[in-house]
Amino acid sequence: MPQHKSPRKRMKTDAKRQARNNYVKRTLRSLDKQIRAELPAEEKQALLDKIYSQLDKAAKKGVIHKRTASRRKARVALFFNKDQNKA
């Protein structure tokens, strides 16, 4: 445990940031699983827009890297387009 005040404060802010990052990452994972589930096309389109928005927000906040967000958006779009062509 730190002895000085500044490192104690730093531990508090680190814990808050870690909690926020874990929440955002968990949300992104659950959205990814939802779009891969069997849903009607219009629901998947709405979900795709939501995933794009969440990925952009996560990249903006620094939770994930902007290129990681871009790559994940591309992969979700690829899955979405393949799924649309099957139907």
PDB file of N, CA and C in Angstrom:
ATOM      1  N   MET A   1       0.846  -1.182   0.000  1.00  0.00           N
ATOM      2  CA  MET A   1       0.000   0.000   0.000  1.00  0.00           C
ATOM      3  C   MET A   1       0.888   1.240   0.000  1.00  0.00           C
ATOM      4  N   PRO A   2       0.597   2.214  -0.839  1.00  0.00           N
ATOM      5  CA  PRO A   2       1.423   3.419  -0.897  1.00  0.00           C
ATOM      6  C   PRO A   2       1.356   4.222   0.403  1.00  0.00           C
ATOM      7  N   GLN A   3       2.461   4.878   0.709  1.00  0.00           N
ATOM      8  CA  GLN A   3       2.557   5.661   1.932  1.00  0.00           C
ATOM      9  C   GLN A   3       2.162   7.119   1.729  1.00  0.00           C
ATOM     10  N   HIS A   4       2.299   7.604   0.504  1.00  0.00           N
ATOM     11  CA  HIS A   4       2.031   9.022   0.245  1.00  0.00           C
ATOM     12  C   HIS A   4       0.649   9.205  -0.376  1.00  0.00           C
ATOM     13  N   LYS A   5       0.201  10.452  -0.335  1.00  0.00           N
ATOM     14  CA  LYS A   5      -1.157  10.760  -0.766  1.00  0.00           C
ATOM     15  C   LYS A   5      -1.340  10.625  -2.283  1.00  0.00           C
ATOM     16  N   SER A   6      -0.370  11.067  -3.045  1.00  0.00           N
ATOM     17  CA  SER A   6      -0.493  11.080  -4.502  1.00  0.00           C
ATOM     18  C   SER A   6      -0.642   9.665  -5.091  1.00  0.00           C
ATOM     19  N   PRO A   7       0.173   8.710  -4.682  1.00  0.00           N
ATOM     20  CA  PRO A   7      -0.021   7.352  -5.209  1.00  0.00           C
ATOM     21  C   PRO A   7      -1.361   6.726  -4.801  1.00  0.00           C
ATOM     22  N   ARG A   8      -1.866   7.104  -3.623  1.00  0.00           N
ATOM     23  CA  ARG A   8      -3.174   6.604  -3.196  1.00  0.00           C
ATOM     24  C   ARG A   8      -4.256   7.122  -4.134  1.00  0.00           C
ATOM     25  N   LYS A   9      -4.166   8.411  -4.479  1.00  0.00           N
ATOM     26  CA  LYS A   9      -5.123   8.999  -5.412  1.00  0.00           C
ATOM     27  C   LYS A   9      -5.011   8.318  -6.771  1.00  0.00           C
ATOM     28  N   ARG A  10      -3.774   8.051  -7.165  1.00  0.00           N
ATOM     29  CA  ARG A  10      -3.539   7.411  -8.458  1.00  0.00           C
ATOM     30  C   ARG A  10      -4.183   6.020  -8.498  1.00  0.00           C
ATOM     31  N   MET A  11      -4.107   5.299  -7.407  1.00  0.00           N
ATOM     32  CA  MET A  11      -4.727   3.975  -7.341  1.00  0.00           C
ATOM     33  C   MET A  11      -6.242   4.068  -7.511  1.00  0.00           C
ATOM     34  N   LYS A  12      -6.839   5.111  -6.930  1.00  0.00           N
ATOM     35  CA  LYS A  12      -8.281   5.298  -7.063  1.00  0.00           C
ATOM     36  C   LYS A  12      -8.659   5.563  -8.517  1.00  0.00           C
ATOM     37  N   THR A  13      -7.932   6.470  -9.160  1.00  0.00           N
ATOM     38  CA  THR A  13      -8.259   6.790 -10.555  1.00  0.00           C
ATOM     39  C   THR A  13      -8.003   5.597 -11.458  1.00  0.00           C
ATOM     40  N   ASP A  14      -6.941   4.830 -11.175  1.00  0.00           N
ATOM     41  CA  ASP A  14      -6.664   3.629 -11.969  1.00  0.00           C
ATOM     42  C   ASP A  14      -7.795   2.618 -11.850  1.00  0.00           C
ATOM     43  N   ALA A  15      -8.333   2.469 -10.647  1.00  0.00           N
ATOM     44  CA  ALA A  15      -9.432   1.531 -10.433  1.00  0.00           C
ATOM     45  C   ALA A  15     -10.682   1.981 -11.196  1.00  0.00           C
ATOM     46  N   LYS A  16     -10.950   3.295 -11.189  1.00  0.00           N
ATOM     47  CA  LYS A  16     -12.110   3.814 -11.926  1.00  0.00           C
ATOM     48  C   LYS A  16     -11.949   3.588 -13.421  1.00  0.00           C
ATOM     49  N   ARG A  17     -10.763   3.871 -13.934  1.00  0.00           N
ATOM     50  CA  ARG A  17     -10.516   3.687 -15.364  1.00  0.00           C
ATOM     51  C   ARG A  17     -10.598   2.216 -15.756  1.00  0.00           C
ATOM     52  N   GLN A  18     -10.069   1.360 -14.920  1.00  0.00           N
ATOM     53  CA  GLN A  18     -10.109  -0.070 -15.199  1.00  0.00           C
ATOM     54  C   GLN A  18     -11.552  -0.562 -15.239  1.00  0.00           C
ATOM     55  N   ALA A  19     -12.372  -0.082 -14.311  1.00  0.00           N
ATOM     56  CA  ALA A  19     -13.779  -0.470 -14.291  1.00  0.00           C
ATOM     57  C   ALA A  19     -14.486   0.007 -15.554  1.00  0.00           C
ATOM     58  N   ARG A  20     -14.205   1.244 -15.975  1.00  0.00           N
ATOM     59  CA  ARG A  20     -14.820   1.769 -17.189  1.00  0.00           C
ATOM     60  C   ARG A  20     -14.374   0.978 -18.412  1.00  0.00           C
ATOM     61  N   ASN A  21     -13.079   0.702 -18.504  1.00  0.00           N
ATOM     62  CA  ASN A  21     -12.552  -0.047 -19.645  1.00  0.00           C
ATOM     63  C   ASN A  21     -13.156  -1.443 -19.718  1.00  0.00           C
ATOM     64  N   ASN A  22     -13.258  -2.109 -18.583  1.00  0.00           N
ATOM     65  CA  ASN A  22     -13.835  -3.451 -18.567  1.00  0.00           C
ATOM     66  C   ASN A  22     -15.297  -3.423 -18.983  1.00  0.00           C
ATOM     67  N   TYR A  23     -16.031  -2.410 -18.550  1.00  0.00           N
ATOM     68  CA  TYR A  23     -17.434  -2.287 -18.930  1.00  0.00           C
ATOM     69  C   TYR A  23     -17.570  -2.106 -20.435  1.00  0.00           C
ATOM     70  N   VAL A  24     -16.763  -1.230 -21.008  1.00  0.00           N
ATOM     71  CA  VAL A  24     -16.839  -0.952 -22.441  1.00  0.00           C
ATOM     72  C   VAL A  24     -16.467  -2.199 -23.240  1.00  0.00           C
ATOM     73  N   LYS A  25     -15.406  -2.875 -22.849  1.00  0.00           N
ATOM     74  CA  LYS A  25     -14.980  -4.077 -23.566  1.00  0.00           C
ATOM     75  C   LYS A  25     -16.032  -5.182 -23.469  1.00  0.00           C
ATOM     76  N   ARG A  26     -16.628  -5.327 -22.304  1.00  0.00           N
ATOM     77  CA  ARG A  26     -17.664  -6.336 -22.102  1.00  0.00           C
ATOM     78  C   ARG A  26     -18.882  -6.025 -22.971  1.00  0.00           C
ATOM     79  N   THR A  27     -19.238  -4.748 -23.058  1.00  0.00           N
ATOM     80  CA  THR A  27     -20.357  -4.328 -23.898  1.00  0.00           C
ATOM     81  C   THR A  27     -20.082  -4.646 -25.361  1.00  0.00           C
ATOM     82  N   LEU A  28     -18.864  -4.372 -25.815  1.00  0.00           N
ATOM     83  CA  LEU A  28     -18.500  -4.643 -27.198  1.00  0.00           C
ATOM     84  C   LEU A  28     -18.571  -6.137 -27.500  1.00  0.00           C
ATOM     85  N   ARG A  29     -18.107  -6.966 -26.579  1.00  0.00           N
ATOM     86  CA  ARG A  29     -18.167  -8.419 -26.775  1.00  0.00           C
ATOM     87  C   ARG A  29     -19.608  -8.902 -26.862  1.00  0.00           C
ATOM     88  N   SER A  30     -20.472  -8.368 -25.996  1.00  0.00           N
ATOM     89  CA  SER A  30     -21.863  -8.823 -26.016  1.00  0.00           C
ATOM     90  C   SER A  30     -22.570  -8.372 -27.291  1.00  0.00           C
ATOM     91  N   LEU A  31     -22.258  -7.174 -27.788  1.00  0.00           N
ATOM     92  CA  LEU A  31     -22.846  -6.721 -29.042  1.00  0.00           C
ATOM     93  C   LEU A  31     -22.378  -7.588 -30.207  1.00  0.00           C
ATOM     94  N   ASP A  32     -21.108  -7.980 -30.170  1.00  0.00           N
ATOM     95  CA  ASP A  32     -20.572  -8.842 -31.226  1.00  0.00           C
ATOM     96  C   ASP A  32     -21.289 -10.195 -31.234  1.00  0.00           C
ATOM     97  N   LYS A  33     -21.549 -10.735 -30.046  1.00  0.00           N
ATOM     98  CA  LYS A  33     -22.260 -12.008 -29.966  1.00  0.00           C
ATOM     99  C   LYS A  33     -23.702 -11.864 -30.438  1.00  0.00           C
ATOM    100  N   GLN A  34     -24.319 -10.724 -30.121  1.00  0.00           N
ATOM    101  CA  GLN A  34     -25.712 -10.517 -30.509  1.00  0.00           C
ATOM    102  C   GLN A  34     -25.872 -10.471 -32.020  1.00  0.00           C
ATOM    103  N   ILE A  35     -24.946  -9.807 -32.714  1.00  0.00           N
ATOM    104  CA  ILE A  35     -25.092  -9.685 -34.169  1.00  0.00           C
ATOM    105  C   ILE A  35     -24.844 -11.020 -34.857  1.00  0.00           C
ATOM    106  N   ARG A  36     -24.095 -11.905 -34.228  1.00  0.00           N
ATOM    107  CA  ARG A  36     -23.839 -13.219 -34.815  1.00  0.00           C
ATOM    108  C   ARG A  36     -24.972 -14.210 -34.536  1.00  0.00           C
ATOM    109  N   ALA A  37     -25.906 -13.819 -33.692  1.00  0.00           N
ATOM    110  CA  ALA A  37     -27.060 -14.676 -33.393  1.00  0.00           C
ATOM    111  C   ALA A  37     -28.086 -14.562 -34.515  1.00  0.00           C
ATOM    112  N   GLU A  38     -29.042 -15.470 -34.495  1.00  0.00           N
ATOM    113  CA  GLU A  38     -30.096 -15.460 -35.506  1.00  0.00           C
ATOM    114  C   GLU A  38     -31.098 -14.351 -35.186  1.00  0.00           C
ATOM    115  N   LEU A  39     -31.092 -13.307 -36.018  1.00  0.00           N
ATOM    116  CA  LEU A  39     -32.009 -12.184 -35.850  1.00  0.00           C
ATOM    117  C   LEU A  39     -32.555 -11.782 -37.212  1.00  0.00           C
ATOM    118  N   PRO A  40     -33.693 -11.091 -37.234  1.00  0.00           N
ATOM    119  CA  PRO A  40     -34.182 -10.553 -38.509  1.00  0.00           C
ATOM    120  C   PRO A  40     -33.214  -9.484 -39.049  1.00  0.00           C
ATOM    121  N   ALA A  41     -33.281  -9.258 -40.357  1.00  0.00           N
ATOM    122  CA  ALA A  41     -32.336  -8.364 -41.022  1.00  0.00           C
ATOM    123  C   ALA A  41     -32.399  -6.939 -40.488  1.00  0.00           C
ATOM    124  N   GLU A  42     -33.608  -6.422 -40.233  1.00  0.00           N
ATOM    125  CA  GLU A  42     -33.709  -5.032 -39.770  1.00  0.00           C
ATOM    126  C   GLU A  42     -33.131  -4.856 -38.367  1.00  0.00           C
ATOM    127  N   GLU A  43     -33.256  -5.878 -37.522  1.00  0.00           N
ATOM    128  CA  GLU A  43     -32.655  -5.799 -36.189  1.00  0.00           C
ATOM    129  C   GLU A  43     -31.135  -5.837 -36.284  1.00  0.00           C
ATOM    130  N   LYS A  44     -30.628  -6.663 -37.199  1.00  0.00           N
ATOM    131  CA  LYS A  44     -29.177  -6.736 -37.375  1.00  0.00           C
ATOM    132  C   LYS A  44     -28.617  -5.422 -37.899  1.00  0.00           C
ATOM    133  N   GLN A  45     -29.360  -4.746 -38.768  1.00  0.00           N
ATOM    134  CA  GLN A  45     -28.901  -3.456 -39.293  1.00  0.00           C
ATOM    135  C   GLN A  45     -28.809  -2.429 -38.174  1.00  0.00           C
ATOM    136  N   ALA A  46     -29.811  -2.391 -37.311  1.00  0.00           N
ATOM    137  CA  ALA A  46     -29.800  -1.469 -36.175  1.00  0.00           C
ATOM    138  C   ALA A  46     -28.648  -1.808 -35.234  1.00  0.00           C
ATOM    139  N   LEU A  47     -28.419  -3.098 -35.033  1.00  0.00           N
ATOM    140  CA  LEU A  47     -27.335  -3.543 -34.168  1.00  0.00           C
ATOM    141  C   LEU A  47     -25.978  -3.197 -34.762  1.00  0.00           C
ATOM    142  N   LEU A  48     -25.858  -3.281 -36.074  1.00  0.00           N
ATOM    143  CA  LEU A  48     -24.609  -2.926 -36.756  1.00  0.00           C
ATOM    144  C   LEU A  48     -24.286  -1.453 -36.535  1.00  0.00           C
ATOM    145  N   ASP A  49     -25.295  -0.597 -36.646  1.00  0.00           N
ATOM    146  CA  ASP A  49     -25.091   0.831 -36.397  1.00  0.00           C
ATOM    147  C   ASP A  49     -24.643   1.078 -34.958  1.00  0.00           C
ATOM    148  N   LYS A  50     -25.239   0.342 -34.037  1.00  0.00           N
ATOM    149  CA  LYS A  50     -24.887   0.492 -32.623  1.00  0.00           C
ATOM    150  C   LYS A  50     -23.451   0.026 -32.364  1.00  0.00           C
ATOM    151  N   ILE A  51     -23.061  -1.069 -32.997  1.00  0.00           N
ATOM    152  CA  ILE A  51     -21.692  -1.574 -32.832  1.00  0.00           C
ATOM    153  C   ILE A  51     -20.691  -0.555 -33.359  1.00  0.00           C
ATOM    154  N   TYR A  52     -20.973   0.004 -34.538  1.00  0.00           N
ATOM    155  CA  TYR A  52     -20.075   1.021 -35.100  1.00  0.00           C
ATOM    156  C   TYR A  52     -19.915   2.194 -34.136  1.00  0.00           C
ATOM    157  N   SER A  53     -21.026   2.642 -33.598  1.00  0.00           N
ATOM    158  CA  SER A  53     -21.009   3.775 -32.679  1.00  0.00           C
ATOM    159  C   SER A  53     -20.192   3.457 -31.423  1.00  0.00           C
ATOM    160  N   GLN A  54     -20.432   2.280 -30.851  1.00  0.00           N
ATOM    161  CA  GLN A  54     -19.724   1.891 -29.626  1.00  0.00           C
ATOM    162  C   GLN A  54     -18.224   1.722 -29.869  1.00  0.00           C
ATOM    163  N   LEU A  55     -17.863   1.155 -31.012  1.00  0.00           N
ATOM    164  CA  LEU A  55     -16.446   0.997 -31.330  1.00  0.00           C
ATOM    165  C   LEU A  55     -15.769   2.352 -31.494  1.00  0.00           C
ATOM    166  N   ASP A  56     -16.447   3.283 -32.162  1.00  0.00           N
ATOM    167  CA  ASP A  56     -15.885   4.622 -32.327  1.00  0.00           C
ATOM    168  C   ASP A  56     -15.721   5.331 -30.987  1.00  0.00           C
ATOM    169  N   LYS A  57     -16.708   5.184 -30.126  1.00  0.00           N
ATOM    170  CA  LYS A  57     -16.627   5.806 -28.801  1.00  0.00           C
ATOM    171  C   LYS A  57     -15.490   5.202 -27.979  1.00  0.00           C
ATOM    172  N   ALA A  58     -15.348   3.878 -28.047  1.00  0.00           N
ATOM    173  CA  ALA A  58     -14.285   3.210 -27.292  1.00  0.00           C
ATOM    174  C   ALA A  58     -12.909   3.657 -27.781  1.00  0.00           C
ATOM    175  N   ALA A  59     -12.766   3.822 -29.091  1.00  0.00           N
ATOM    176  CA  ALA A  59     -11.498   4.282 -29.643  1.00  0.00           C
ATOM    177  C   ALA A  59     -11.237   5.727 -29.237  1.00  0.00           C
ATOM    178  N   LYS A  60     -12.274   6.536 -29.226  1.00  0.00           N
ATOM    179  CA  LYS A  60     -12.127   7.945 -28.859  1.00  0.00           C
ATOM    180  C   LYS A  60     -11.716   8.092 -27.395  1.00  0.00           C
ATOM    181  N   LYS A  61     -12.272   7.249 -26.535  1.00  0.00           N
ATOM    182  CA  LYS A  61     -11.941   7.293 -25.113  1.00  0.00           C
ATOM    183  C   LYS A  61     -10.567   6.688 -24.813  1.00  0.00           C
ATOM    184  N   GLY A  62     -10.038   5.925 -25.775  1.00  0.00           N
ATOM    185  CA  GLY A  62      -8.746   5.297 -25.548  1.00  0.00           C
ATOM    186  C   GLY A  62      -8.839   3.915 -24.938  1.00  0.00           C
ATOM    187  N   VAL A  63     -10.039   3.361 -24.905  1.00  0.00           N
ATOM    188  CA  VAL A  63     -10.206   2.012 -24.350  1.00  0.00           C
ATOM    189  C   VAL A  63      -9.565   0.997 -25.291  1.00  0.00           C
ATOM    190  N   ILE A  64      -9.793   1.183 -26.605  1.00  0.00           N
ATOM    191  CA  ILE A  64      -9.143   0.354 -27.609  1.00  0.00           C
ATOM    192  C   ILE A  64      -8.462   1.282 -28.616  1.00  0.00           C
ATOM    193  N   HIS A  65      -7.511   0.753 -29.347  1.00  0.00           N
ATOM    194  CA  HIS A  65      -6.792   1.542 -30.349  1.00  0.00           C
ATOM    195  C   HIS A  65      -7.697   1.808 -31.539  1.00  0.00           C
ATOM    196  N   LYS A  66      -7.466   2.915 -32.226  1.00  0.00           N
ATOM    197  CA  LYS A  66      -8.356   3.265 -33.340  1.00  0.00           C
ATOM    198  C   LYS A  66      -8.258   2.264 -34.482  1.00  0.00           C
ATOM    199  N   ARG A  67      -7.094   1.674 -34.680  1.00  0.00           N
ATOM    200  CA  ARG A  67      -6.973   0.668 -35.739  1.00  0.00           C
ATOM    201  C   ARG A  67      -7.660  -0.632 -35.348  1.00  0.00           C
ATOM    202  N   THR A  68      -7.669  -0.932 -34.064  1.00  0.00           N
ATOM    203  CA  THR A  68      -8.395  -2.103 -33.580  1.00  0.00           C
ATOM    204  C   THR A  68      -9.888  -1.906 -33.826  1.00  0.00           C
ATOM    205  N   ALA A  69     -10.375  -0.710 -33.564  1.00  0.00           N
ATOM    206  CA  ALA A  69     -11.785  -0.416 -33.808  1.00  0.00           C
ATOM    207  C   ALA A  69     -12.101  -0.558 -35.292  1.00  0.00           C
ATOM    208  N   SER A  70     -11.219  -0.048 -36.126  1.00  0.00           N
ATOM    209  CA  SER A  70     -11.424  -0.124 -37.569  1.00  0.00           C
ATOM    210  C   SER A  70     -11.445  -1.575 -38.048  1.00  0.00           C
ATOM    211  N   ARG A  71     -10.517  -2.372 -37.548  1.00  0.00           N
ATOM    212  CA  ARG A  71     -10.447  -3.781 -37.932  1.00  0.00           C
ATOM    213  C   ARG A  71     -11.695  -4.537 -37.489  1.00  0.00           C
ATOM    214  N   ARG A  72     -12.150  -4.270 -36.289  1.00  0.00           N
ATOM    215  CA  ARG A  72     -13.334  -4.965 -35.794  1.00  0.00           C
ATOM    216  C   ARG A  72     -14.591  -4.548 -36.548  1.00  0.00           C
ATOM    217  N   LYS A  73     -14.670  -3.271 -36.933  1.00  0.00           N
ATOM    218  CA  LYS A  73     -15.804  -2.824 -37.749  1.00  0.00           C
ATOM    219  C   LYS A  73     -15.789  -3.518 -39.098  1.00  0.00           C
ATOM    220  N   ALA A  74     -14.606  -3.667 -39.681  1.00  0.00           N
ATOM    221  CA  ALA A  74     -14.505  -4.338 -40.979  1.00  0.00           C
ATOM    222  C   ALA A  74     -14.925  -5.796 -40.876  1.00  0.00           C
ATOM    223  N   ARG A  75     -14.531  -6.466 -39.824  1.00  0.00           N
ATOM    224  CA  ARG A  75     -14.878  -7.874 -39.660  1.00  0.00           C
ATOM    225  C   ARG A  75     -16.373  -8.065 -39.420  1.00  0.00           C
ATOM    226  N   VAL A  76     -16.959  -7.173 -38.636  1.00  0.00           N
ATOM    227  CA  VAL A  76     -18.396  -7.261 -38.394  1.00  0.00           C
ATOM    228  C   VAL A  76     -19.153  -6.994 -39.688  1.00  0.00           C
ATOM    229  N   ALA A  77     -18.690  -6.024 -40.461  1.00  0.00           N
ATOM    230  CA  ALA A  77     -19.342  -5.715 -41.738  1.00  0.00           C
ATOM    231  C   ALA A  77     -19.228  -6.893 -42.699  1.00  0.00           C
ATOM    232  N   LEU A  78     -18.075  -7.549 -42.712  1.00  0.00           N
ATOM    233  CA  LEU A  78     -17.888  -8.712 -43.564  1.00  0.00           C
ATOM    234  C   LEU A  78     -18.872  -9.818 -43.188  1.00  0.00           C
ATOM    235  N   PHE A  79     -18.999 -10.083 -41.897  1.00  0.00           N
ATOM    236  CA  PHE A  79     -19.953 -11.083 -41.428  1.00  0.00           C
ATOM    237  C   PHE A  79     -21.376 -10.681 -41.793  1.00  0.00           C
ATOM    238  N   PHE A  80     -21.702  -9.412 -41.572  1.00  0.00           N
ATOM    239  CA  PHE A  80     -23.048  -8.912 -41.861  1.00  0.00           C
ATOM    240  C   PHE A  80     -23.383  -9.072 -43.344  1.00  0.00           C
ATOM    241  N   ASN A  81     -22.445  -8.717 -44.213  1.00  0.00           N
ATOM    242  CA  ASN A  81     -22.684  -8.806 -45.656  1.00  0.00           C
ATOM    243  C   ASN A  81     -22.812 -10.254 -46.122  1.00  0.00           C
ATOM    244  N   LYS A  82     -21.990 -11.146 -45.580  1.00  0.00           N
ATOM    245  CA  LYS A  82     -22.104 -12.560 -45.928  1.00  0.00           C
ATOM    246  C   LYS A  82     -23.460 -13.103 -45.488  1.00  0.00           C
ATOM    247  N   ASP A  83     -23.884 -12.691 -44.307  1.00  0.00           N
ATOM    248  CA  ASP A  83     -25.152 -13.152 -43.773  1.00  0.00           C
ATOM    249  C   ASP A  83     -26.317 -12.627 -44.603  1.00  0.00           C
ATOM    250  N   GLN A  84     -26.223 -11.397 -45.093  1.00  0.00           N
ATOM    251  CA  GLN A  84     -27.268 -10.805 -45.928  1.00  0.00           C
ATOM    252  C   GLN A  84     -27.366 -11.514 -47.282  1.00  0.00           C
ATOM    253  N   ASN A  85     -26.214 -11.916 -47.816  1.00  0.00           N
ATOM    254  CA  ASN A  85     -26.214 -12.600 -49.110  1.00  0.00           C
ATOM    255  C   ASN A  85     -26.802 -14.006 -49.040  1.00  0.00           C
ATOM    256  N   LYS A  86     -26.663 -14.646 -47.871  1.00  0.00           N
ATOM    257  CA  LYS A  86     -27.244 -15.979 -47.696  1.00  0.00           C
ATOM    258  C   LYS A  86     -28.764 -15.927 -47.715  1.00  0.00           C
ATOM    259  N   ALA A  87     -29.299 -14.881 -47.092  1.00  0.00           N
ATOM    260  CA  ALA A  87     -30.759 -14.773 -46.961  1.00  0.00           C
ATOM    261  C   ALA A  87     -31.441 -14.357 -48.255  1.00  0.00           C
TER     262      ALA A  87
END
